[in-house]
Amino acid sequence: MPSYKKQIDGVVLDCTAEENAEIDARRSKIKDNKLADIKEIRLQKLIETDYLAMSDNTMSDEMKTYRQSMRDIPQNYSEDKYDELLARDSDGILTHSIWSKP
């Protein structure tokens, strides 16, 4: 477990074990919420292309790769990349290249 610091009246102090546990719990919740958001976006992107996976349709290799990259997001992106995956432009559009359909 990492040990965090706090500043009180300009003095830097070590956090107590309880404070460290609380900070870790808050960080874990934030991480879990971001991952849940990423998984929800991924699910929506897969749903949008499900019709291409029907037996009467031949899916392009690019689309197969795209769909596989969607399924691989949790394994391929660590917690430190979650903010990049969730980044949006001023119009609210996701900016990470992983979300771009071929």
C-alpha atoms as a PDB file:
ATOM      1  CA  MET A   1       0.000   0.000   0.000  1.00  0.00           C
ATOM      2  CA  PRO A   2       1.448   3.394  -0.921  1.00  0.00           C
ATOM      3  CA  SER A   3       1.990   5.980   1.765  1.00  0.00           C
ATOM      4  CA  TYR A   4       0.533   9.386   1.027  1.00  0.00           C
ATOM      5  CA  LYS A   5       1.514  12.797   2.340  1.00  0.00           C
ATOM      6  CA  LYS A   6      -0.627  15.658   3.548  1.00  0.00           C
ATOM      7  CA  GLN A   7       0.152  19.292   4.172  1.00  0.00           C
ATOM      8  CA  ILE A   8      -1.115  21.085   7.254  1.00  0.00           C
ATOM      9  CA  ASP A   9      -0.163  24.713   7.841  1.00  0.00           C
ATOM     10  CA  GLY A  10       2.740  24.357   5.424  1.00  0.00           C
ATOM     11  CA  VAL A  11       4.113  21.242   7.142  1.00  0.00           C
ATOM     12  CA  VAL A  12       4.254  18.013   5.125  1.00  0.00           C
ATOM     13  CA  LEU A  13       3.243  14.967   7.153  1.00  0.00           C
ATOM     14  CA  ASP A  14       2.754  11.272   6.473  1.00  0.00           C
ATOM     15  CA  CYS A  15      -0.879  10.190   6.337  1.00  0.00           C
ATOM     16  CA  THR A  16      -2.130   7.713   8.899  1.00  0.00           C
ATOM     17  CA  ALA A  17      -2.923   4.133   7.889  1.00  0.00           C
ATOM     18  CA  GLU A  18      -6.630   5.004   7.953  1.00  0.00           C
ATOM     19  CA  GLU A  19      -6.097   8.053   5.735  1.00  0.00           C
ATOM     20  CA  ASN A  20      -4.021   5.957   3.318  1.00  0.00           C
ATOM     21  CA  ALA A  21      -6.802   3.354   3.161  1.00  0.00           C
ATOM     22  CA  GLU A  22      -9.422   6.043   2.520  1.00  0.00           C
ATOM     23  CA  ILE A  23      -7.355   7.587  -0.277  1.00  0.00           C
ATOM     24  CA  ASP A  24      -6.820   4.165  -1.859  1.00  0.00           C
ATOM     25  CA  ALA A  25     -10.547   3.437  -1.650  1.00  0.00           C
ATOM     26  CA  ARG A  26     -11.420   6.750  -3.345  1.00  0.00           C
ATOM     27  CA  ARG A  27      -8.836   6.162  -6.078  1.00  0.00           C
ATOM     28  CA  SER A  28     -10.127   2.646  -6.660  1.00  0.00           C
ATOM     29  CA  LYS A  29     -13.705   3.907  -6.981  1.00  0.00           C
ATOM     30  CA  ILE A  30     -12.650   6.547  -9.526  1.00  0.00           C
ATOM     31  CA  LYS A  31     -10.696   3.936 -11.486  1.00  0.00           C
ATOM     32  CA  ASP A  32     -13.660   1.523 -11.408  1.00  0.00           C
ATOM     33  CA  ASN A  33     -16.046   4.262 -12.605  1.00  0.00           C
ATOM     34  CA  LYS A  34     -13.751   5.153 -15.497  1.00  0.00           C
ATOM     35  CA  LEU A  35     -13.410   1.511 -16.493  1.00  0.00           C
ATOM     36  CA  ALA A  36     -17.200   1.109 -16.334  1.00  0.00           C
ATOM     37  CA  ASP A  37     -17.576   4.153 -18.625  1.00  0.00           C
ATOM     38  CA  ILE A  38     -15.037   2.701 -21.050  1.00  0.00           C
ATOM     39  CA  LYS A  39     -16.802  -0.660 -21.082  1.00  0.00           C
ATOM     40  CA  GLU A  40     -20.165   1.036 -21.697  1.00  0.00           C
ATOM     41  CA  ILE A  41     -18.759   2.976 -24.670  1.00  0.00           C
ATOM     42  CA  ARG A  42     -17.124  -0.195 -25.981  1.00  0.00           C
ATOM     43  CA  LEU A  43     -20.413  -2.096 -25.710  1.00  0.00           C
ATOM     44  CA  GLN A  44     -22.228   0.639 -27.623  1.00  0.00           C
ATOM     45  CA  LYS A  45     -19.591   0.616 -30.375  1.00  0.00           C
ATOM     46  CA  LEU A  46     -19.903  -3.170 -30.683  1.00  0.00           C
ATOM     47  CA  ILE A  47     -23.703  -2.976 -30.768  1.00  0.00           C
ATOM     48  CA  GLU A  48     -23.481  -0.393 -33.564  1.00  0.00           C
ATOM     49  CA  THR A  49     -21.564  -2.905 -35.705  1.00  0.00           C
ATOM     50  CA  ASP A  50     -23.316  -6.143 -34.653  1.00  0.00           C
ATOM     51  CA  TYR A  51     -25.371  -6.197 -37.839  1.00  0.00           C
ATOM     52  CA  LEU A  52     -22.129  -6.707 -39.758  1.00  0.00           C
ATOM     53  CA  ALA A  53     -21.528  -9.986 -37.922  1.00  0.00           C
ATOM     54  CA  MET A  54     -24.715 -11.599 -39.252  1.00  0.00           C
ATOM     55  CA  SER A  55     -24.270 -14.808 -41.213  1.00  0.00           C
ATOM     56  CA  ASP A  56     -25.585 -13.239 -44.437  1.00  0.00           C
ATOM     57  CA  ASN A  57     -22.896 -10.527 -44.376  1.00  0.00           C
ATOM     58  CA  THR A  58     -19.183 -10.691 -45.108  1.00  0.00           C
ATOM     59  CA  MET A  59     -17.323  -8.514 -42.643  1.00  0.00           C
ATOM     60  CA  SER A  60     -14.227  -6.710 -43.895  1.00  0.00           C
ATOM     61  CA  ASP A  61     -10.882  -7.464 -42.280  1.00  0.00           C
ATOM     62  CA  GLU A  62     -10.734  -3.851 -41.090  1.00  0.00           C
ATOM     63  CA  MET A  63     -14.064  -4.232 -39.301  1.00  0.00           C
ATOM     64  CA  LYS A  64     -12.987  -7.548 -37.779  1.00  0.00           C
ATOM     65  CA  THR A  65      -9.848  -5.835 -36.475  1.00  0.00           C
ATOM     66  CA  TYR A  66     -11.874  -2.902 -35.137  1.00  0.00           C
ATOM     67  CA  ARG A  67     -14.301  -5.169 -33.297  1.00  0.00           C
ATOM     68  CA  GLN A  68     -11.436  -7.213 -31.874  1.00  0.00           C
ATOM     69  CA  SER A  69      -9.722  -4.024 -30.692  1.00  0.00           C
ATOM     70  CA  MET A  70     -12.962  -3.080 -28.903  1.00  0.00           C
ATOM     71  CA  ARG A  71     -13.034  -6.431 -27.126  1.00  0.00           C
ATOM     72  CA  ASP A  72      -9.337  -6.098 -26.196  1.00  0.00           C
ATOM     73  CA  ILE A  73      -9.565  -2.656 -24.576  1.00  0.00           C
ATOM     74  CA  PRO A  74      -9.542  -3.857 -20.941  1.00  0.00           C
ATOM     75  CA  GLN A  75      -6.406  -5.934 -21.524  1.00  0.00           C
ATOM     76  CA  ASN A  76      -4.614  -3.429 -23.746  1.00  0.00           C
ATOM     77  CA  TYR A  77      -5.122  -0.229 -21.748  1.00  0.00           C
ATOM     78  CA  SER A  78      -3.994   0.175 -18.175  1.00  0.00           C
ATOM     79  CA  GLU A  79      -5.472   2.491 -15.580  1.00  0.00           C
ATOM     80  CA  ASP A  80      -3.068   5.304 -16.496  1.00  0.00           C
ATOM     81  CA  LYS A  81      -4.607   5.418 -20.008  1.00  0.00           C
ATOM     82  CA  TYR A  82      -8.267   5.704 -18.920  1.00  0.00           C
ATOM     83  CA  ASP A  83      -8.320   9.507 -19.147  1.00  0.00           C
ATOM     84  CA  GLU A  84      -6.960   9.327 -22.715  1.00  0.00           C
ATOM     85  CA  LEU A  85      -9.642   6.803 -23.690  1.00  0.00           C
ATOM     86  CA  LEU A  86     -12.370   9.006 -22.224  1.00  0.00           C
ATOM     87  CA  ALA A  87     -11.081  12.315 -23.632  1.00  0.00           C
ATOM     88  CA  ARG A  88     -13.590  14.301 -25.687  1.00  0.00           C
ATOM     89  CA  ASP A  89     -13.317  17.351 -27.892  1.00  0.00           C
ATOM     90  CA  SER A  90     -15.357  20.540 -27.437  1.00  0.00           C
ATOM     91  CA  ASP A  91     -18.282  18.885 -29.271  1.00  0.00           C
ATOM     92  CA  GLY A  92     -18.278  15.925 -26.873  1.00  0.00           C
ATOM     93  CA  ILE A  93     -16.836  13.491 -29.410  1.00  0.00           C
ATOM     94  CA  LEU A  94     -14.374  10.886 -28.153  1.00  0.00           C
ATOM     95  CA  THR A  95     -10.916  11.751 -29.456  1.00  0.00           C
ATOM     96  CA  HIS A  96      -8.902   8.575 -28.919  1.00  0.00           C
ATOM     97  CA  SER A  97      -8.221   6.758 -32.191  1.00  0.00           C
ATOM     98  CA  ILE A  98      -9.425   3.414 -30.787  1.00  0.00           C
ATOM     99  CA  TRP A  99     -13.019   4.596 -31.091  1.00  0.00           C
ATOM    100  CA  SER A 100     -12.786   5.469 -34.815  1.00  0.00           C
ATOM    101  CA  LYS A 101     -14.582   3.019 -37.056  1.00  0.00           C
ATOM    102  CA  PRO A 102     -12.798   1.945 -40.236  1.00  0.00           C
END
